[in-house]
């Protein structure tokens, strides 16, 4: 059963308000404390001992998907299998370096088209799993059936783990700079490096936007107006000149890949699938709209 879980996880990684009190748990405290006790989830019981992977040991667990966790800032993960009769559930609890990292790794795997799981600081219900983030933790609960009964069990596990995490957190501030009009709810993600950016818009093997998650932050979201859709990558720099310089870098990259419509800074680009792209610097913000099905939606997002 655990091998099947490893396979699922590897495939997933290859293809990815009011203030709350801070957490009182430190990395020095045992991760086992976050796991549900057998008495809390009876008749389910732990099957074997938990496995813990720290820092670069993560490659031994999800080889092929560990890099992006390290990019966001990964501390350790605990994995525990539970069983009842012939069924199994695996609980993975990832401790990230801070809440921004936990939201980030959760958000790039979140699917806005899937129903919300009302647990932690935000959660998502997939066919075979429930994921959520809370404070600096990202939690994945994987079942082996998509029926309603299994989903109810996963929801119960999620709530028990959430109750063991003493803190809550808010999404990173960069999320609040994303234009709200036509934004698809729960499509927002924060990006802290090249791997995360390339999971949304491939820009090559170099971090040409210089995103570091600290002085240069980024976010992405989906937009929809009637039948038209688009994606927006927003980068926030420390200085206006930085956004203008990177606007030129991205424009030149688009010129090499796509057909240009218009001239100079007003240019819109079109790919072979008739999708539109535009880059625009506004003060210290860089807006990159990509895969838009219409030029009109680009104007709506940028309020042109």
Foldseek 3Di string as FASTA:
>chain_A
DLVVVLVVLLVLQQLKDDFKDAFPDDPVDDPVLLFDACVQQPPKHWDDDKDKAADPSCCVRRPNRVVQLVLLAWGMKIWIWIDDDPWIKIKIKTAGPWQQSQQQVVLTSDDLVFDWLPAAQTWGDDQFWIWDGFTRITMIMGTDGRDPVNSVSRSSRRRSSRVSTPIGGDHDPQQVPQDDPQWRPSNKHKDAFQVNVCSPPNDDDDRLLPRHCPQKIKMKTKGDDPPKIKIKIKIFHPWLVSQVVSQVVVVVSLVVAFDWDDDDQVIWTAHPVRAIWHWDGDTRMIIIMTRINDPVVVCVSVVD
